[in-house]
């Protein structure tokens, strides 16, 4: 079966070259049709080969999505890293909310399998906001929610030290024309994209939620402080430094929210040092107010999720 797949790919290459006038989409589509067949048959390696050939001819959402799906079946770290790159590119090139949601969903699924629950949570709720009618996405979001709210030390270490996560890229798209010759001021393509700080350093958002307007941790997530402290005090990383970033929901005065989130980060630092004294002097603190929500919703669930602590590896 592998030989026939490769042979078919070579035949397509010759046919495309001979045609001369074959357009980009048509040429890539020939590779993608066979790649889908191979992927459905469980021949993921050959599907990835053909998806790459399609992308050599024509970059497209469909090509990157199929490449990512095929590579995600591999247990190899290099293949999974390449799958993440392909999901990011698929999201960038997506032309509909449903396509964006699909790329985010499958990206989140891969991260969840690799114990990076916190970043999976970020992605799956973007997907849910983009495609609320998808039962598949909603079911998976509920699974991630439960795991996110009750993380293990292994989950947090996976997000901090072994994460495959890479930030999304947003394609620059022209602003569409509207009736009357003006320009549309908003776009559904970006409406569900939360403004999460993106940088080279790994980071996770910890489900340590605060009572509204206070530095008091709510009862549901209080136990996660000890889990966080144990993860940060990992003996395998005795000299690692971190930054605690406090966050608030969108309600209230933003200047006050910035001060409040700074106080929340400082309070969490004191608590983790009490639990793990080896963290003394290894944590910086800052507050970002409500400018970087992790959940794009506007209900109590979203507000609660956005009153959180983010940890960055320094």
Protein backbone atom coordinates (compact mmCIF):
# COMPACT_ATOMS: atom_id res chain seq x y z
CA UNK A 1 0.00 0.00 0.00
CA UNK A 2 2.82 2.39 0.75
CA UNK A 3 4.38 1.75 -2.66
CA UNK A 4 1.11 2.44 -4.46
CA UNK A 5 0.71 5.71 -2.52
CA UNK A 6 4.17 6.92 -3.46
CA UNK A 7 3.68 5.80 -7.06
CA UNK A 8 0.40 7.71 -7.28
CA UNK A 9 2.16 10.79 -5.97
CA UNK A 10 4.84 10.49 -8.66
CA UNK A 11 2.19 10.04 -11.37
CA UNK A 12 0.49 13.21 -10.18
CA UNK A 13 3.77 15.09 -10.27
CA UNK A 14 4.35 14.10 -13.90
CA UNK A 15 0.76 14.89 -14.84
CA UNK A 16 0.89 18.34 -13.29
CA UNK A 17 4.18 19.18 -14.92
CA UNK A 18 2.96 18.01 -18.32
CA UNK A 19 -0.26 19.98 -18.11
CA UNK A 20 1.50 23.27 -17.67
CA UNK A 21 -1.72 25.24 -17.31
CA UNK A 22 -3.10 23.41 -14.25
CA UNK A 23 -4.03 26.00 -11.63
CA UNK A 24 -2.80 25.95 -8.05
CA UNK A 25 -6.02 24.74 -6.39
CA UNK A 26 -6.65 22.03 -8.95
CA UNK A 27 -3.10 20.66 -8.77
CA UNK A 28 -3.01 20.63 -4.98
CA UNK A 29 -6.50 19.14 -4.89
CA UNK A 30 -5.31 16.02 -6.70
CA UNK A 31 -2.73 15.36 -4.01
CA UNK A 32 -5.21 16.12 -1.20
CA UNK A 33 -7.87 13.73 -2.52
CA UNK A 34 -5.42 10.83 -2.39
CA UNK A 35 -4.00 12.04 0.93
CA UNK A 36 -7.50 11.93 2.44
CA UNK A 37 -7.90 8.35 1.19
CA UNK A 38 -4.59 7.31 2.73
CA UNK A 39 -5.41 9.03 6.02
CA UNK A 40 -8.83 7.35 6.19
CA UNK A 41 -7.12 4.00 5.59
CA UNK A 42 -4.81 4.59 8.55
CA UNK A 43 -1.77 5.27 6.38
CA UNK A 44 -0.98 8.53 8.13
CA UNK A 45 2.67 8.69 7.12
CA UNK A 46 1.82 8.53 3.42
CA UNK A 47 -1.02 11.00 3.92
CA UNK A 48 1.49 13.45 5.41
CA UNK A 49 3.84 12.99 2.45
CA UNK A 50 1.05 13.78 -0.01
CA UNK A 51 -0.23 16.71 2.06
CA UNK A 52 3.26 18.21 1.97
CA UNK A 53 3.34 17.81 -1.80
CA UNK A 54 0.01 19.59 -2.03
CA UNK A 55 1.42 22.44 0.05
CA UNK A 56 4.49 22.65 -2.17
CA UNK A 57 2.11 23.35 -5.04
CA UNK A 58 -0.35 25.59 -3.22
CA UNK A 59 -0.55 26.73 0.43
CA UNK A 60 -4.06 26.21 1.76
CA UNK A 61 -6.06 25.65 4.91
CA UNK A 62 -7.04 22.19 3.65
CA UNK A 63 -3.43 21.16 3.07
CA UNK A 64 -2.18 22.28 6.47
CA UNK A 65 -5.19 20.81 8.27
CA UNK A 66 -4.67 17.40 6.67
CA UNK A 67 -0.91 17.52 7.27
CA UNK A 68 -1.50 18.34 10.93
CA UNK A 69 -4.10 15.61 11.38
CA UNK A 70 -1.79 13.03 9.78
CA UNK A 71 1.28 14.00 11.81
CA UNK A 72 -0.68 14.15 15.08
CA UNK A 73 -1.09 10.36 14.94
CA UNK A 74 2.67 9.93 15.36
CA UNK A 75 4.26 9.47 18.77
CA UNK A 76 7.47 11.12 17.60
CA UNK A 77 8.27 14.51 19.12
CA UNK A 78 9.45 15.98 15.81
CA UNK A 79 6.25 14.90 14.05
CA UNK A 80 4.07 16.32 16.81
CA UNK A 81 5.99 19.60 16.74
CA UNK A 82 5.47 19.73 12.98
CA UNK A 83 1.75 19.01 13.56
CA UNK A 84 1.54 22.05 15.83
CA UNK A 85 3.17 24.23 13.16
CA UNK A 86 0.66 22.92 10.62
CA UNK A 87 -2.33 23.60 12.91
CA UNK A 88 -1.08 27.17 13.43
CA UNK A 89 -0.77 27.64 9.67
CA UNK A 90 -4.21 26.08 9.06
CA UNK A 91 -5.74 28.52 11.54
CA UNK A 92 -3.95 31.42 9.86
CA UNK A 93 -5.23 30.49 6.39
CA UNK A 94 -8.77 29.52 7.41
CA UNK A 95 -11.46 31.51 5.60
CA UNK A 96 -14.47 30.69 7.83
CA UNK A 97 -15.15 30.52 11.56
CA UNK A 98 -15.88 26.80 11.19
CA UNK A 99 -12.46 26.17 9.66
CA UNK A 100 -10.76 28.20 12.38
CA UNK A 101 -12.72 26.30 15.02
CA UNK A 102 -11.71 22.94 13.51
CA UNK A 103 -8.00 23.84 13.53
CA UNK A 104 -8.21 25.06 17.13
CA UNK A 105 -10.15 21.98 18.25
CA UNK A 106 -7.68 19.51 16.80
CA UNK A 107 -4.73 21.57 18.08
CA UNK A 108 -6.28 21.52 21.56
CA UNK A 109 -6.85 17.77 21.29
CA UNK A 110 -3.17 17.18 20.57
CA UNK A 111 -2.06 19.37 23.50
CA UNK A 112 -4.49 17.64 25.87
CA UNK A 113 -3.04 14.26 24.90
CA UNK A 114 0.40 15.62 25.86
CA UNK A 115 -0.70 16.79 29.36
CA UNK A 116 -0.75 20.47 28.38
CA UNK A 117 -4.27 20.98 29.70
CA UNK A 118 -3.95 24.71 30.34
CA UNK A 119 -3.12 25.62 26.75
CA UNK A 120 -5.71 23.13 25.47
CA UNK A 121 -8.26 25.02 27.57
CA UNK A 122 -7.29 28.31 25.93
CA UNK A 123 -7.69 26.90 22.42
CA UNK A 124 -10.86 24.86 22.87
CA UNK A 125 -12.81 27.79 24.26
CA UNK A 126 -11.81 29.90 21.28
CA UNK A 127 -13.05 27.06 19.07
CA UNK A 128 -16.32 26.82 21.01
CA UNK A 129 -16.94 30.56 20.61
CA UNK A 130 -16.29 30.37 16.87
CA UNK A 131 -18.52 27.34 16.28
CA UNK A 132 -21.05 27.03 19.14
CA UNK A 133 -23.21 24.64 17.09
CA UNK A 134 -20.53 21.93 16.99
CA UNK A 135 -21.48 19.18 19.45
CA UNK A 136 -18.05 17.57 19.01
CA UNK A 137 -16.28 20.74 20.12
CA UNK A 138 -18.69 21.31 23.01
CA UNK A 139 -18.24 17.76 24.33
CA UNK A 140 -14.46 18.06 24.22
CA UNK A 141 -14.59 21.50 25.89
CA UNK A 142 -16.47 19.96 28.83
CA UNK A 143 -13.80 17.25 29.16
CA UNK A 144 -11.02 19.83 29.15
CA UNK A 145 -12.89 22.04 31.64
CA UNK A 146 -12.99 19.28 34.24
CA UNK A 147 -9.34 18.44 33.83
CA UNK A 148 -8.35 22.11 33.81
CA UNK A 149 -10.20 22.89 37.04
CA UNK A 150 -8.51 19.99 38.87
CA UNK A 151 -4.94 19.79 37.51
CA UNK A 152 -2.29 17.41 38.70
CA UNK A 153 1.36 18.28 39.26
CA UNK A 154 2.09 16.33 36.07
CA UNK A 155 -0.39 18.48 34.12
CA UNK A 156 1.23 21.72 35.25
CA UNK A 157 4.74 20.47 34.60
CA UNK A 158 3.65 19.36 31.15
CA UNK A 159 2.49 22.89 30.36
CA UNK A 160 5.57 24.55 31.82
CA UNK A 161 8.43 22.32 30.74
CA UNK A 162 7.26 19.96 27.98
CA UNK A 163 4.65 21.96 26.08
CA UNK A 164 4.29 21.72 22.33
CA UNK A 165 2.25 24.94 22.33
CA UNK A 166 3.09 27.74 19.90
CA UNK A 167 1.13 31.01 19.63
CA UNK A 168 -1.37 31.47 16.84
CA UNK A 169 -0.72 33.84 13.96
CA UNK A 170 -3.43 36.05 12.54
CA UNK A 171 -3.46 36.59 8.79
CA UNK A 172 -3.81 40.17 7.60
CA UNK A 173 -7.13 40.22 5.77
CA UNK A 174 -8.66 43.10 3.80
CA UNK A 175 -11.58 44.85 5.47
CA UNK A 176 -14.71 43.84 3.50
CA UNK A 177 -16.85 46.36 1.70
CA UNK A 178 -20.36 46.99 3.05
CA UNK A 179 -23.43 48.56 1.50
CA UNK A 180 -23.01 52.26 0.89
CA UNK A 181 -19.34 52.06 -0.01
CA UNK A 182 -17.99 52.06 3.55
CA UNK A 183 -15.86 49.52 5.34
CA UNK A 184 -17.05 46.99 7.89
CA UNK A 185 -15.67 47.86 11.32
CA UNK A 186 -15.76 44.40 12.83
CA UNK A 187 -15.20 40.85 11.65
CA UNK A 188 -16.46 37.57 13.04
CA UNK A 189 -13.06 36.10 12.20
CA UNK A 190 -11.48 37.90 15.12
CA UNK A 191 -14.41 38.25 17.50
CA UNK A 192 -13.51 35.17 19.53
CA UNK A 193 -9.76 35.65 19.70
CA UNK A 194 -8.71 36.48 23.27
CA UNK A 195 -5.71 38.74 23.74
CA UNK A 196 -3.30 36.37 25.44
CA UNK A 197 0.26 37.51 25.98
CA UNK A 198 2.43 35.64 23.48
CA UNK A 199 6.14 35.24 23.88
CA UNK A 200 8.97 32.79 23.51
CA UNK A 201 8.78 31.66 27.14
CA UNK A 202 6.34 28.87 28.06
CA UNK A 203 3.40 29.90 30.18
CA UNK A 204 0.28 28.39 31.70
CA UNK A 205 -2.87 29.85 33.18
CA UNK A 206 -3.57 28.25 36.54
CA UNK A 207 -7.15 27.59 37.65
CA UNK A 208 -6.78 29.59 40.83
CA UNK A 209 -9.80 31.84 40.71
CA UNK A 210 -10.54 34.80 42.91
CA UNK A 211 -13.66 36.15 44.50
CA UNK A 212 -14.82 39.28 42.68
CA UNK A 213 -12.81 42.36 43.67
CA UNK A 214 -10.59 40.51 46.17
CA UNK A 215 -7.38 38.50 46.56
CA UNK A 216 -9.35 35.66 48.17
CA UNK A 217 -9.15 32.37 46.28
CA UNK A 218 -12.51 30.70 45.83
CA UNK A 219 -13.23 27.38 47.54
CA UNK A 220 -13.36 25.38 44.30
CA UNK A 221 -9.75 26.08 43.34
CA UNK A 222 -8.02 26.68 46.68
CA UNK A 223 -6.47 23.20 46.63
CA UNK A 224 -4.70 24.05 43.35
CA UNK A 225 -2.29 26.37 45.18
CA UNK A 226 -0.47 23.40 46.71
CA UNK A 227 -0.44 21.65 43.33
CA UNK A 228 1.06 24.74 41.70
CA UNK A 229 3.70 25.11 44.42
CA UNK A 230 4.75 21.47 44.02
CA UNK A 231 4.99 21.83 40.24
CA UNK A 232 7.14 24.98 40.45
CA UNK A 233 9.41 23.44 43.09
CA UNK A 234 10.25 20.54 40.78
CA UNK A 235 13.70 19.27 41.89
CA UNK A 236 14.58 18.79 38.22
CA UNK A 237 14.49 22.62 37.83
CA UNK A 238 15.99 23.92 41.09
CA UNK A 239 17.15 27.28 39.69
CA UNK A 240 14.16 28.05 37.47
CA UNK A 241 12.60 31.49 37.91
CA UNK A 242 9.00 32.44 37.14
CA UNK A 243 6.71 35.42 36.69
CA UNK A 244 3.26 35.45 38.28
CA UNK A 245 0.74 37.49 36.28
CA UNK A 246 -2.57 38.38 37.91
CA UNK A 247 -5.68 38.80 35.75
CA UNK A 248 -9.19 40.20 36.28
CA UNK A 249 -12.49 39.95 34.41
CA UNK A 250 -13.72 42.83 32.28
CA UNK A 251 -15.98 44.37 34.92
CA UNK A 252 -14.91 47.38 36.98
CA UNK A 253 -12.49 50.23 36.44
CA UNK A 254 -9.42 49.11 34.51
CA UNK A 255 -6.94 51.17 36.55
CA UNK A 256 -8.31 49.53 39.70
CA UNK A 257 -8.19 46.12 38.02
CA UNK A 258 -4.48 46.51 37.26
CA UNK A 259 -3.77 47.26 40.92
CA UNK A 260 -6.00 44.39 42.02
CA UNK A 261 -4.28 41.88 39.74
CA UNK A 262 -0.86 42.95 41.01
CA UNK A 263 -2.08 42.29 44.56
CA UNK A 264 -3.44 38.89 43.51
CA UNK A 265 -0.09 37.89 42.05
CA UNK A 266 1.70 39.00 45.21
CA UNK A 267 -0.76 37.05 47.39
CA UNK A 268 -0.17 33.90 45.35
CA UNK A 269 3.58 34.32 45.66
CA UNK A 270 3.31 34.41 49.44
CA UNK A 271 1.12 31.30 49.47
CA UNK A 272 3.36 29.18 47.24
CA UNK A 273 6.44 30.17 49.25
CA UNK A 274 4.64 29.08 52.42
CA UNK A 275 3.97 25.72 50.76
CA UNK A 276 7.42 25.41 49.13
CA UNK A 277 10.09 27.62 50.79
CA UNK A 278 12.57 26.80 48.02
CA UNK A 279 10.60 29.20 45.78
CA UNK A 280 11.62 32.20 47.88
CA UNK A 281 13.18 34.84 45.61
CA UNK A 282 12.44 32.89 42.42
CA UNK A 283 9.18 34.58 41.46
CA UNK A 284 8.46 38.06 40.10
CA UNK A 285 4.92 39.44 40.13
CA UNK A 286 2.89 41.76 37.91
CA UNK A 287 -0.74 42.53 37.10
CA UNK A 288 -2.40 42.91 33.69
CA UNK A 289 -5.93 43.90 34.67
CA UNK A 290 -8.59 42.61 32.29
CA UNK A 291 -6.65 43.12 29.05
CA UNK A 292 -5.87 39.42 28.38
CA UNK A 293 -8.96 37.24 28.92
CA UNK A 294 -8.54 33.51 28.59
CA UNK A 295 -12.25 32.94 27.96
CA UNK A 296 -13.86 35.21 25.33
CA UNK A 297 -17.38 34.78 26.78
CA UNK A 298 -19.45 37.30 28.71
CA UNK A 299 -21.13 35.09 31.30
CA UNK A 300 -20.26 34.17 34.88
CA UNK A 301 -18.23 31.14 33.76
CA UNK A 302 -16.04 33.36 31.58
CA UNK A 303 -15.70 36.04 34.27
CA UNK A 304 -14.63 33.44 36.82
CA UNK A 305 -12.09 31.88 34.45
CA UNK A 306 -10.58 35.27 33.67
CA UNK A 307 -9.96 36.05 37.36
CA UNK A 308 -6.89 33.86 37.33
CA UNK A 309 -3.16 33.53 37.79
CA UNK A 310 -0.81 33.07 34.83
CA UNK A 311 2.69 31.66 35.32
CA UNK A 312 5.48 32.34 32.84
CA UNK A 313 8.82 30.58 32.80
CA UNK A 314 11.51 33.24 32.94
